[in-house]
Amino acid sequence: MPITGISLDSREVVSGDVFIALSGAKQHGLAHVEQAIKNGAGAVIFDPAGKGQQLVETLQCNITHLVPMIAVESLGSKLGELAARFYGDPSRFMTVIGITGTNGKTSCSQFLSQMLDDCGIIGTLGWGEWGKLNKTLNTTPDALAVQRILAELLKNKKRTVAMEVSSHGLEQGRINGVIFKGAVLTNISRDHLDYHGTMDAYVQAKLELLKKPGLAFAAVNLDDAYSEQIIAAVPESVQLWQFSAKGKTAHSGECVSAENILHKADGIEFDVRWRDQLQRVEVPLYGDFNVENVLAVLTVMLAMDVPLKKSAEKLGFLKPVDGRMERFGAETDPLVFVDYAHTPDALDKVLSSLRKHCEQALWVVFGCGGNRDTGKRSQMGKIAEQWADHVVITDDNPRYENGLDIVNDILAGCSSTAAAVGNAATGVEPIRPAKVEVIQNREQAIQKVVVNAAKNDCIVIAGKGHEQYQESNGIRIPFSDRQVVIAALIKRNAEDEQGK
C-alpha cells in the first residue's frame, strides 16, 4: 500500500495518509479515527495505552475493519523516529545545533542563523530562515512536525539548522529522531514548574539534550549556577566548550571568555579571550545577558572551525530579534526596550543590565501570565522594585485568572507586603509604595510611561515581547507591545511639537 503522508490531526488527513492516534492526557486520538478514515486514511497506527485497545474493539464492528489498525506500544516516544524514517532522516544531511536553557534560546538561534551560511531556524518565532519565518504553535513543534520541517529546510538547501529545544519538547520526545551535531545550554533558572513540578525535574529535562546520539560538541555557560551539574552530564565522547561573560576559566575543555565589557548608547563592546588569542568585539545589542548570548554564538562558531577574527567581524552586523531587547525611539526619545522577559531571572538580567545604559530613571512595565507558575510572581515584583525607579504592574495574559489576583501576587513581593491588599472578590484597591503603580490596562500603562518619561530615562516593557495577542478567558485579542510603543512615541513627539 503506498503511503503518501502521515498526520496526527484527523481534520488534516487526505487520501493515502496514515493517521497516528496517540494516547493524550485528556483524550485518545482514536476518538477522531472515524473522521480520519472518512477523509481517506489508508491505515491507522495507534497506542493501545489509555484505553486505546478498548476503543479499537468498540469501533471494530462499525468502521475500523475498513483499514489496517496497527498497535504500537509507547507510540509517543517512537513517533520521532517513525517520522524521521518517513521523511528520509533529514537531520543526517544537515548540521543541527540544539539550543536549550531558560532564557536566550530565541536570541541565540536567531543570531546563529545570521552568522551561519544557509542556516534554517526552528523556534519560538517560527521556522524557516532569518526574516522569513512560518508560524509554529510551540517553541519545539511536535515530533512529526519537526521532521517535516527539517525535510523542507533540507529541500530548500539549508546546510545548518539552529533549533530551540524546550524542556517540554525534550520530556515529551518531540526531538526524538533528530541527529544533533551541537548542543548549547544557555542557563537554567526557575520556569515551567507548573509543568515539571520541581527544579530538579526541570534541570533533568534540559540535560536530556546531551544524551542525543551523534552529538559532537556541547557549549555550556560557565556563569550559570547549574554549570557544574551540566558539565558533569556531558558524555566523554562529546567535545566540551565553555563560555563566560565574567572572565572565568575552565579546568578542562575549550573556554571562551569576555573581558573589559563596555555598555554604550549604541550597544555593547568587549574583548574575547580564547586560547592565546584576544579579539575586540562590538555588537549593536544591549545588556549583560546579550554578552552571554553573543559568547554562546561565538563559541558555536569556533566549535565549527570558523576563525575568531572572522566570527567577530560578523558579530558586528547582528540585528536584534523582534521583542528581544528590541530598542525603539530616536535620539530625542527615552531609551525604550520591548523584551520577552517573563521569568525572575530574565527580568533581573534585563533590569540590572539596563542600569548600566540608563542615564536617569529606569522604568519597567510588566505583569505575569495567568494559569502558570504562581510562585515566580512575588519574586518578579521584588526584582522590579529592587532595580527600577518606577514600577508599573499591568496585565500580561490573564488567561482564565482574574487579573487583579495576579497583580496582588506580584505586589506580595514588593515592600508593601505588610499592607492591606485588595482582591478580586472585594475589588479593593491595593495599598502600595509610591514607586509602584498598578494600571491593569496594558495599552494605557505603556502609553502613560512612554509619554511621561524624561528624555534620558530608560523604559522596559517586559513579558510579551514578540507576541501579537493578549489572552483572556480563552479569547486572544490582537495586541502588540511593539506597536503600542511605536504609537506612544508618535503621540509623545506630537505633544512635544505642540508644546514648542
Protein backbone atom coordinates (compact mmCIF):
# COMPACT_ATOMS: atom_id res chain seq x y z
CA MET A 1 0.00 0.00 0.00
CA PRO A 2 1.55 3.37 -0.99
CA ILE A 3 1.66 5.84 1.89
CA THR A 4 1.74 9.48 0.82
CA GLY A 5 1.69 11.22 4.21
CA ILE A 6 1.35 10.91 7.98
CA SER A 7 -0.85 13.02 10.22
CA LEU A 8 -1.72 13.47 13.89
CA ASP A 9 -4.77 15.61 13.09
CA SER A 10 -7.79 13.78 11.69
CA ARG A 11 -9.03 17.04 10.12
CA GLU A 12 -5.86 17.30 8.01
CA VAL A 13 -5.86 13.70 6.78
CA VAL A 14 -6.11 13.26 3.00
CA SER A 15 -6.36 10.15 0.86
CA GLY A 16 -3.29 7.94 1.25
CA ASP A 17 -2.25 9.27 4.67
CA VAL A 18 -1.58 7.21 7.76
CA PHE A 19 -3.45 8.57 10.78
CA ILE A 20 -1.47 8.41 14.03
CA ALA A 21 -3.57 8.20 17.19
CA LEU A 22 -1.63 9.00 20.36
CA SER A 23 -2.79 8.48 23.93
CA GLY A 24 -3.24 12.05 25.18
CA ALA A 25 -3.59 13.40 28.70
CA LYS A 26 -7.22 14.36 28.10
CA GLN A 27 -8.29 12.28 25.12
CA HIS A 28 -7.10 9.42 22.92
CA GLY A 29 -6.53 10.21 19.26
CA LEU A 30 -8.78 7.27 18.37
CA ALA A 31 -11.72 9.45 19.39
CA HIS A 32 -11.28 11.03 15.94
CA VAL A 33 -10.49 7.90 13.93
CA GLU A 34 -13.85 7.88 12.12
CA GLN A 35 -13.20 11.31 10.65
CA ALA A 36 -9.65 10.28 9.67
CA ILE A 37 -10.93 7.22 7.81
CA LYS A 38 -13.72 9.24 6.21
CA ASN A 39 -11.08 11.70 4.95
CA GLY A 40 -9.18 8.88 3.28
CA ALA A 41 -6.70 7.45 5.81
CA GLY A 42 -5.16 4.30 4.37
CA ALA A 43 -4.11 2.93 7.74
CA VAL A 44 -4.15 3.84 11.43
CA ILE A 45 -1.25 3.48 13.86
CA PHE A 46 -2.41 3.76 17.47
CA ASP A 47 -1.13 3.50 21.02
CA PRO A 48 -3.00 0.70 22.84
CA ALA A 49 -2.47 2.54 26.15
CA GLY A 50 -5.03 4.94 27.55
CA LYS A 51 -7.91 2.59 26.63
CA GLY A 52 -6.71 2.59 23.02
CA GLN A 53 -7.19 -1.16 22.59
CA GLN A 54 -10.68 -0.96 24.10
CA LEU A 55 -11.63 1.84 21.72
CA VAL A 56 -10.49 -0.21 18.73
CA GLU A 57 -12.54 -3.21 19.85
CA THR A 58 -15.57 -0.98 20.38
CA LEU A 59 -15.25 0.52 16.91
CA GLN A 60 -14.29 -2.74 15.19
CA CYS A 61 -17.74 -3.64 14.01
CA ASN A 62 -18.50 -0.16 12.75
CA ILE A 63 -15.57 1.30 10.84
CA THR A 64 -12.10 0.15 11.83
CA HIS A 65 -12.38 -3.02 9.70
CA LEU A 66 -12.11 -0.74 6.66
CA VAL A 67 -8.38 -0.03 7.16
CA PRO A 68 -5.41 -1.73 8.86
CA MET A 69 -5.23 -0.85 12.56
CA ILE A 70 -1.68 -1.20 13.88
CA ALA A 71 -0.98 -1.08 17.62
CA VAL A 72 2.42 0.28 18.72
CA GLU A 73 3.36 0.33 22.39
CA SER A 74 4.70 3.70 23.68
CA LEU A 75 3.90 5.27 20.33
CA GLY A 76 4.54 8.81 21.58
CA SER A 77 8.21 8.12 22.30
CA LYS A 78 8.66 6.35 18.95
CA LEU A 79 6.90 8.95 16.82
CA GLY A 80 10.06 10.99 16.18
CA GLU A 81 11.99 8.04 14.75
CA LEU A 82 8.94 6.90 12.78
CA ALA A 83 8.57 10.38 11.26
CA ALA A 84 12.31 10.66 10.61
CA ARG A 85 12.18 7.37 8.70
CA PHE A 86 9.20 8.53 6.64
CA TYR A 87 10.91 11.83 5.70
CA GLY A 88 14.27 10.19 4.91
CA ASP A 89 16.18 11.17 8.09
CA PRO A 90 16.74 14.80 7.00
CA SER A 91 18.89 15.72 10.03
CA ARG A 92 21.57 13.26 8.86
CA PHE A 93 22.31 15.55 5.93
CA MET A 94 22.47 18.81 7.90
CA THR A 95 24.34 20.24 10.88
CA VAL A 96 21.68 20.73 13.55
CA ILE A 97 22.54 22.85 16.61
CA GLY A 98 20.12 22.38 19.52
CA ILE A 99 19.77 25.29 21.94
CA THR A 100 18.17 24.83 25.34
CA GLY A 101 18.00 26.85 28.55
CA THR A 102 15.56 29.04 30.42
CA ASN A 103 16.50 32.28 28.67
CA GLY A 104 18.34 33.13 25.47
CA LYS A 105 17.16 30.27 23.23
CA THR A 106 15.42 32.51 20.73
CA SER A 107 18.15 35.16 20.62
CA CYS A 108 20.90 32.56 20.17
CA SER A 109 19.04 30.70 17.41
CA GLN A 110 18.25 33.92 15.56
CA PHE A 111 21.83 35.21 15.93
CA LEU A 112 23.27 31.90 14.75
CA SER A 113 21.05 31.98 11.69
CA GLN A 114 22.57 35.36 10.82
CA MET A 115 26.11 34.12 11.37
CA LEU A 116 25.99 30.78 9.53
CA ASP A 117 25.56 30.36 5.79
CA ASP A 118 22.41 28.64 4.52
CA CYS A 119 21.02 28.30 8.05
CA GLY A 120 17.45 27.37 8.89
CA ILE A 121 15.62 28.16 12.14
CA ILE A 122 13.09 26.27 14.25
CA GLY A 123 11.85 28.02 17.38
CA THR A 124 9.51 30.34 19.22
CA LEU A 125 9.25 32.89 16.41
CA GLY A 126 8.64 30.22 13.77
CA TRP A 127 10.57 28.11 11.28
CA GLY A 128 12.29 28.95 8.03
CA GLU A 129 15.14 31.39 7.55
CA TRP A 130 16.10 34.75 9.04
CA GLY A 131 13.46 37.32 8.14
CA LYS A 132 11.15 34.75 6.51
CA LEU A 133 9.54 32.62 9.19
CA ASN A 134 6.47 30.41 9.17
CA LYS A 135 4.46 30.28 12.40
CA THR A 136 4.71 27.41 14.88
CA LEU A 137 2.38 26.65 17.78
CA ASN A 138 5.19 25.73 20.18
CA THR A 139 8.87 26.60 20.66
CA THR A 140 9.62 22.99 19.72
CA PRO A 141 6.89 21.59 17.42
CA ASP A 142 5.56 18.04 17.78
CA ALA A 143 7.82 15.18 16.66
CA LEU A 144 6.06 14.71 13.35
CA ALA A 145 6.15 18.43 12.51
CA VAL A 146 9.85 18.68 13.46
CA GLN A 147 10.79 16.03 10.88
CA ARG A 148 8.53 17.55 8.23
CA ILE A 149 10.12 20.97 8.81
CA LEU A 150 13.65 19.55 8.68
CA ALA A 151 12.81 17.83 5.39
CA GLU A 152 11.50 21.11 3.99
CA LEU A 153 14.61 23.00 5.13
CA LEU A 154 16.82 20.36 3.51
CA LYS A 155 14.80 20.65 0.31
CA ASN A 156 15.47 24.41 0.44
CA LYS A 157 19.21 23.68 0.57
CA LYS A 158 19.77 24.60 4.22
CA ARG A 159 23.06 23.12 5.38
CA THR A 160 22.69 24.07 9.05
CA VAL A 161 19.74 24.44 11.42
CA ALA A 162 19.59 26.42 14.68
CA MET A 163 16.85 24.78 16.71
CA GLU A 164 15.34 25.87 20.01
CA VAL A 165 14.73 22.87 22.24
CA SER A 166 12.30 23.42 25.11
CA SER A 167 12.08 21.38 28.30
CA HIS A 168 8.56 20.32 27.25
CA GLY A 169 9.90 19.23 23.87
CA LEU A 170 12.66 17.19 25.49
CA GLU A 171 10.43 15.48 28.03
CA GLN A 172 7.70 14.73 25.50
CA GLY A 173 10.10 13.27 22.94
CA ARG A 174 9.44 15.89 20.27
CA ILE A 175 13.07 15.83 19.11
CA ASN A 176 13.40 12.04 19.05
CA GLY A 177 14.86 11.04 15.70
CA VAL A 178 16.79 14.31 15.28
CA ILE A 179 20.56 13.97 14.99
CA PHE A 180 22.26 16.95 16.64
CA LYS A 181 25.87 17.89 16.00
CA GLY A 182 26.00 20.58 18.68
CA ALA A 183 24.17 21.47 21.90
CA VAL A 184 24.08 24.86 23.61
CA LEU A 185 22.95 25.24 27.23
CA THR A 186 22.41 28.96 27.84
CA ASN A 187 21.33 28.99 31.50
CA ILE A 188 18.86 27.39 33.89
CA SER A 189 16.61 29.25 36.31
CA ARG A 190 13.06 28.95 37.58
CA ASP A 191 10.45 28.38 34.87
CA HIS A 192 7.68 25.93 33.95
CA LEU A 193 7.42 24.49 37.46
CA ASP A 194 3.67 24.29 36.88
CA TYR A 195 4.57 21.51 34.42
CA HIS A 196 7.78 19.92 35.79
CA GLY A 197 6.92 20.25 39.48
CA THR A 198 10.46 20.71 40.82
CA MET A 199 13.67 22.43 39.71
CA ASP A 200 15.46 19.08 39.70
CA ALA A 201 12.93 17.62 37.26
CA TYR A 202 13.25 20.76 35.11
CA VAL A 203 17.06 20.52 35.06
CA GLN A 204 16.97 16.81 34.22
CA ALA A 205 14.66 17.54 31.28
CA LYS A 206 17.20 20.05 29.91
CA LEU A 207 20.08 17.58 30.30
CA GLU A 208 18.33 15.10 28.00
CA LEU A 209 19.70 17.07 25.04
CA LEU A 210 23.22 15.94 25.96
CA LYS A 211 22.21 12.29 25.59
CA LYS A 212 21.22 12.53 21.93
CA PRO A 213 23.14 10.19 19.59
CA GLY A 214 25.63 11.78 17.22
CA LEU A 215 26.35 14.82 19.41
CA ALA A 216 29.86 16.13 18.67
CA PHE A 217 30.16 19.20 20.90
CA ALA A 218 28.37 20.99 23.75
CA ALA A 219 28.68 24.68 24.67
CA VAL A 220 28.00 25.38 28.36
CA ASN A 221 27.62 28.72 30.18
CA LEU A 222 30.24 28.70 32.95
CA ASP A 223 28.50 31.57 34.75
CA ASP A 224 25.30 29.61 35.28
CA ALA A 225 24.54 28.24 38.74
CA TYR A 226 23.98 24.77 37.28
CA SER A 227 27.14 24.74 35.14
CA GLU A 228 28.95 22.08 37.21
CA GLN A 229 25.97 19.73 37.03
CA ILE A 230 25.64 20.33 33.29
CA ILE A 231 29.36 19.79 32.62
CA ALA A 232 29.28 16.55 34.62
CA ALA A 233 26.47 15.33 32.36
CA VAL A 234 28.42 15.91 29.13
CA PRO A 235 29.47 12.48 27.77
CA GLU A 236 33.20 11.82 27.31
CA SER A 237 32.64 11.37 23.59
CA VAL A 238 31.34 14.95 23.29
CA GLN A 239 33.81 17.84 22.99
CA LEU A 240 33.24 20.32 25.83
CA TRP A 241 33.21 24.04 25.07
CA GLN A 242 32.57 26.62 27.80
CA PHE A 243 31.94 30.35 27.77
CA SER A 244 31.94 33.04 30.45
CA ALA A 245 30.92 36.69 30.48
CA LYS A 246 32.69 37.08 33.84
CA GLY A 247 36.18 36.13 32.74
CA LYS A 248 36.06 32.64 34.24
CA THR A 249 38.45 29.95 33.06
CA ALA A 250 37.84 26.22 32.73
CA HIS A 251 39.81 23.29 34.19
CA SER A 252 39.39 21.26 31.01
CA GLY A 253 37.97 21.63 27.53
CA GLU A 254 37.82 24.80 25.47
CA CYS A 255 36.92 28.13 27.10
CA VAL A 256 35.82 31.45 25.55
CA SER A 257 35.57 34.42 27.92
CA ALA A 258 34.69 38.12 27.79
CA GLU A 259 36.74 40.89 29.40
CA ASN A 260 36.61 44.69 29.59
CA ILE A 261 32.87 44.93 28.86
CA LEU A 262 31.54 48.39 27.96
CA HIS A 263 27.85 49.35 27.80
CA LYS A 264 27.34 52.21 25.37
CA ALA A 265 24.40 54.07 23.84
CA ASP A 266 24.84 52.14 20.60
CA GLY A 267 25.41 48.69 22.12
CA ILE A 268 27.99 46.55 23.89
CA GLU A 269 31.73 46.16 23.38
CA PHE A 270 34.17 43.68 24.93
CA ASP A 271 37.35 41.65 24.47
CA VAL A 272 37.09 37.94 23.73
CA ARG A 273 39.87 35.67 25.00
CA TRP A 274 40.26 32.19 23.54
CA ARG A 275 43.42 30.11 23.80
CA ASP A 276 46.24 32.59 23.06
CA GLN A 277 44.03 34.97 21.07
CA LEU A 278 42.45 38.27 22.16
CA GLN A 279 39.82 39.89 19.91
CA ARG A 280 37.77 43.07 20.41
CA VAL A 281 34.05 42.64 19.61
CA GLU A 282 31.49 45.40 19.03
CA VAL A 283 27.82 44.39 18.82
CA PRO A 284 24.73 46.60 18.30
CA LEU A 285 22.88 44.85 21.15
CA TYR A 286 22.19 45.73 24.78
CA GLY A 287 22.57 44.10 28.19
CA ASP A 288 24.89 41.73 30.04
CA PHE A 289 22.75 38.77 29.02
CA ASN A 290 23.38 39.62 25.38
CA VAL A 291 27.08 39.36 26.15
CA GLU A 292 26.27 35.78 27.22
CA ASN A 293 24.18 35.19 24.09
CA VAL A 294 26.91 36.54 21.81
CA LEU A 295 29.53 34.40 23.58
CA ALA A 296 27.33 31.31 23.14
CA VAL A 297 27.01 32.01 19.43
CA LEU A 298 30.72 32.76 19.08
CA THR A 299 31.57 29.52 20.88
CA VAL A 300 29.46 27.55 18.40
CA MET A 301 31.23 29.28 15.51
CA LEU A 302 34.62 28.32 16.94
CA ALA A 303 33.46 24.75 17.56
CA MET A 304 32.51 24.65 13.87
CA ASP A 305 36.04 25.78 12.90
CA VAL A 306 35.17 29.37 11.92
CA PRO A 307 38.17 31.64 12.77
CA LEU A 308 37.81 34.02 15.74
CA LYS A 309 38.53 37.18 13.75
CA LYS A 310 36.05 36.32 11.00
CA SER A 311 33.36 35.49 13.59
CA ALA A 312 33.99 38.76 15.46
CA GLU A 313 33.57 40.74 12.25
CA LYS A 314 30.23 39.08 11.54
CA LEU A 315 29.00 39.77 15.09
CA GLY A 316 29.25 43.50 14.37
CA PHE A 317 26.41 43.18 11.86
CA LEU A 318 23.95 41.30 14.07
CA LYS A 319 20.39 42.59 14.02
CA PRO A 320 18.19 42.45 17.16
CA VAL A 321 15.41 39.91 17.43
CA ASP A 322 11.78 41.04 17.47
CA GLY A 323 10.70 41.51 21.07
CA ARG A 324 14.10 40.55 22.49
CA MET A 325 15.73 43.65 23.95
CA GLU A 326 14.42 45.49 20.90
CA ARG A 327 15.08 49.22 21.05
CA PHE A 328 12.59 51.86 19.90
CA GLY A 329 12.74 55.65 19.63
CA ALA A 330 15.06 58.29 18.25
CA GLU A 331 17.85 60.21 19.99
CA THR A 332 15.34 62.73 21.34
CA ASP A 333 13.27 59.96 22.97
CA PRO A 334 13.93 57.94 26.11
CA LEU A 335 15.52 54.53 25.54
CA VAL A 336 12.53 52.17 25.15
CA PHE A 337 13.04 48.41 25.07
CA VAL A 338 10.50 45.66 24.44
CA ASP A 339 11.62 42.32 25.87
CA TYR A 340 10.14 38.87 26.39
CA ALA A 341 11.49 38.60 29.98
CA HIS A 342 8.80 36.64 31.82
CA THR A 343 10.83 34.82 34.47
CA PRO A 344 12.51 36.20 37.62
CA ASP A 345 15.99 35.54 36.24
CA ALA A 346 15.24 37.14 32.87
CA LEU A 347 13.70 40.24 34.46
CA ASP A 348 16.63 40.55 36.85
CA LYS A 349 19.13 40.37 33.99
CA VAL A 350 17.25 42.87 31.83
CA LEU A 351 16.86 45.49 34.56
CA SER A 352 20.32 45.11 36.07
CA SER A 353 21.87 45.36 32.60
CA LEU A 354 19.94 48.44 31.57
CA ARG A 355 21.01 50.18 34.75
CA LYS A 356 24.38 50.43 33.02
CA HIS A 357 22.89 52.06 29.91
CA CYS A 358 20.47 54.33 31.77
CA GLU A 359 21.48 57.94 32.44
CA GLN A 360 18.49 58.87 34.63
CA ALA A 361 15.39 56.99 35.83
CA LEU A 362 14.66 53.35 34.96
CA TRP A 363 11.01 52.40 34.35
CA VAL A 364 9.55 48.91 34.00
CA VAL A 365 6.07 47.86 32.84
CA PHE A 366 5.27 44.17 33.37
CA GLY A 367 2.75 41.59 34.53
CA CYS A 368 2.59 37.80 34.86
CA GLY A 369 0.66 35.25 32.85
CA GLY A 370 -2.36 33.54 34.33
CA ASN A 371 -2.62 29.77 34.95
CA ARG A 372 1.15 29.45 35.10
CA ASP A 373 3.75 29.14 37.88
CA THR A 374 2.34 31.42 40.61
CA GLY A 375 5.46 31.23 42.78
CA LYS A 376 7.51 33.43 40.44
CA ARG A 377 5.11 36.40 40.67
CA SER A 378 6.23 37.78 44.03
CA GLN A 379 9.86 37.18 43.03
CA MET A 380 9.38 39.32 39.94
CA GLY A 381 7.70 42.05 41.99
CA LYS A 382 10.68 42.14 44.34
CA ILE A 383 13.17 42.25 41.45
CA ALA A 384 11.29 45.04 39.66
CA GLU A 385 11.18 47.15 42.82
CA GLN A 386 14.85 46.47 43.53
CA TRP A 387 16.17 47.72 40.18
CA ALA A 388 13.65 50.20 38.79
CA ASP A 389 12.87 53.75 39.92
CA HIS A 390 9.29 53.41 38.65
CA VAL A 391 7.35 50.14 38.50
CA VAL A 392 4.04 49.82 36.66
CA ILE A 393 2.29 46.48 37.18
CA THR A 394 -0.18 45.57 34.46
CA ASP A 395 -1.93 42.62 32.85
CA ASP A 396 0.03 40.14 30.74
CA ASN A 397 -2.04 37.19 29.51
CA PRO A 398 -4.55 36.68 32.36
CA ARG A 399 -5.94 33.58 30.63
CA TYR A 400 -8.59 32.17 32.99
CA GLU A 401 -7.43 34.01 36.12
CA ASN A 402 -8.67 37.35 37.44
CA GLY A 403 -6.06 39.97 36.59
CA LEU A 404 -6.30 41.64 40.00
CA ASP A 405 -5.42 38.37 41.75
CA ILE A 406 -2.27 38.15 39.63
CA VAL A 407 -1.43 41.78 40.42
CA ASN A 408 -1.74 41.09 44.14
CA ASP A 409 0.56 38.07 43.84
CA ILE A 410 3.17 40.35 42.27
CA LEU A 411 2.65 43.05 44.90
CA ALA A 412 3.29 40.49 47.64
CA GLY A 413 6.97 40.67 46.68
CA CYS A 414 7.13 44.44 46.92
CA SER A 415 7.89 46.29 50.15
CA SER A 416 4.16 46.71 50.79
CA THR A 417 3.79 43.10 51.95
CA ALA A 418 2.53 44.20 55.35
CA ALA A 419 -0.09 46.50 53.83
CA ALA A 420 -3.66 45.52 53.12
CA VAL A 421 -4.13 44.40 49.54
CA GLY A 422 -7.31 44.11 47.55
CA ASN A 423 -8.60 41.01 45.86
CA ALA A 424 -10.85 40.07 43.00
CA ALA A 425 -13.78 39.37 45.32
CA THR A 426 -13.83 42.78 47.05
CA GLY A 427 -12.31 44.89 44.30
CA VAL A 428 -10.45 46.85 46.99
CA GLU A 429 -7.58 48.90 45.59
CA PRO A 430 -4.24 47.60 46.94
CA ILE A 431 -2.03 49.83 49.07
CA ARG A 432 1.47 50.03 47.62
CA PRO A 433 4.64 52.12 47.82
CA ALA A 434 4.77 55.32 45.76
CA LYS A 435 7.25 53.93 43.23
CA VAL A 436 4.91 51.04 42.36
CA GLU A 437 1.76 51.75 40.38
CA VAL A 438 -0.96 49.45 39.06
CA ILE A 439 -2.53 50.11 35.65
CA GLN A 440 -4.22 46.88 34.60
CA ASN A 441 -4.98 48.04 31.06
CA ARG A 442 -1.69 47.20 29.35
CA GLU A 443 -2.08 49.66 26.49
CA GLN A 444 -2.79 52.53 28.89
CA ALA A 445 0.15 51.50 31.11
CA ILE A 446 2.61 51.55 28.20
CA GLN A 447 1.27 54.82 26.79
CA LYS A 448 1.43 56.61 30.14
CA VAL A 449 5.04 55.59 30.82
CA VAL A 450 6.33 56.37 27.32
CA VAL A 451 4.65 59.78 27.25
CA ASN A 452 5.69 60.79 30.79
CA ALA A 453 9.28 59.53 30.93
CA ALA A 454 12.10 62.05 30.62
CA LYS A 455 14.38 62.16 27.58
CA ASN A 456 17.31 60.44 29.31
CA ASP A 457 15.17 57.83 31.09
CA CYS A 458 15.16 54.17 30.16
CA ILE A 459 11.93 52.13 29.81
CA VAL A 460 11.49 48.34 29.73
CA ILE A 461 8.21 46.81 28.55
CA ALA A 462 8.62 43.20 29.69
CA GLY A 463 6.82 39.89 29.42
CA LYS A 464 5.26 39.59 25.97
CA GLY A 465 7.98 40.60 23.54
CA HIS A 466 7.10 39.39 20.04
CA GLU A 467 3.58 38.19 20.91
CA GLN A 468 0.77 39.56 18.78
CA TYR A 469 -2.09 38.91 21.17
CA GLN A 470 -3.38 39.19 24.73
CA GLU A 471 -5.25 36.14 26.04
CA SER A 472 -8.16 36.40 28.47
CA ASN A 473 -10.94 33.89 29.21
CA GLY A 474 -10.00 31.73 26.24
CA ILE A 475 -10.07 34.62 23.77
CA ARG A 476 -6.97 36.03 22.05
CA ILE A 477 -7.29 39.72 21.32
CA PRO A 478 -4.84 41.26 18.81
CA PHE A 479 -2.23 43.15 20.85
CA SER A 480 1.41 44.06 20.30
CA ASP A 481 3.68 45.76 22.85
CA ARG A 482 5.86 46.86 19.94
CA GLN A 483 3.00 48.58 18.10
CA VAL A 484 1.73 50.25 21.27
CA VAL A 485 5.23 51.60 21.97
CA ILE A 486 5.54 52.99 18.43
CA ALA A 487 2.12 54.68 18.72
CA ALA A 488 3.03 56.10 22.16
CA LEU A 489 6.30 57.54 20.82
CA ILE A 490 4.41 59.21 17.95
CA LYS A 491 1.98 60.68 20.46
CA ARG A 492 4.82 61.87 22.68
CA ASN A 493 6.61 63.61 19.79
CA ALA A 494 3.35 65.20 18.57
CA GLU A 495 2.74 66.63 22.06
CA ASP A 496 6.33 67.92 22.17
CA GLU A 497 5.81 69.69 18.84
CA GLN A 498 2.60 71.27 20.10
CA GLY A 499 4.40 72.38 23.26
CA LYS A 500 7.02 74.16 21.17
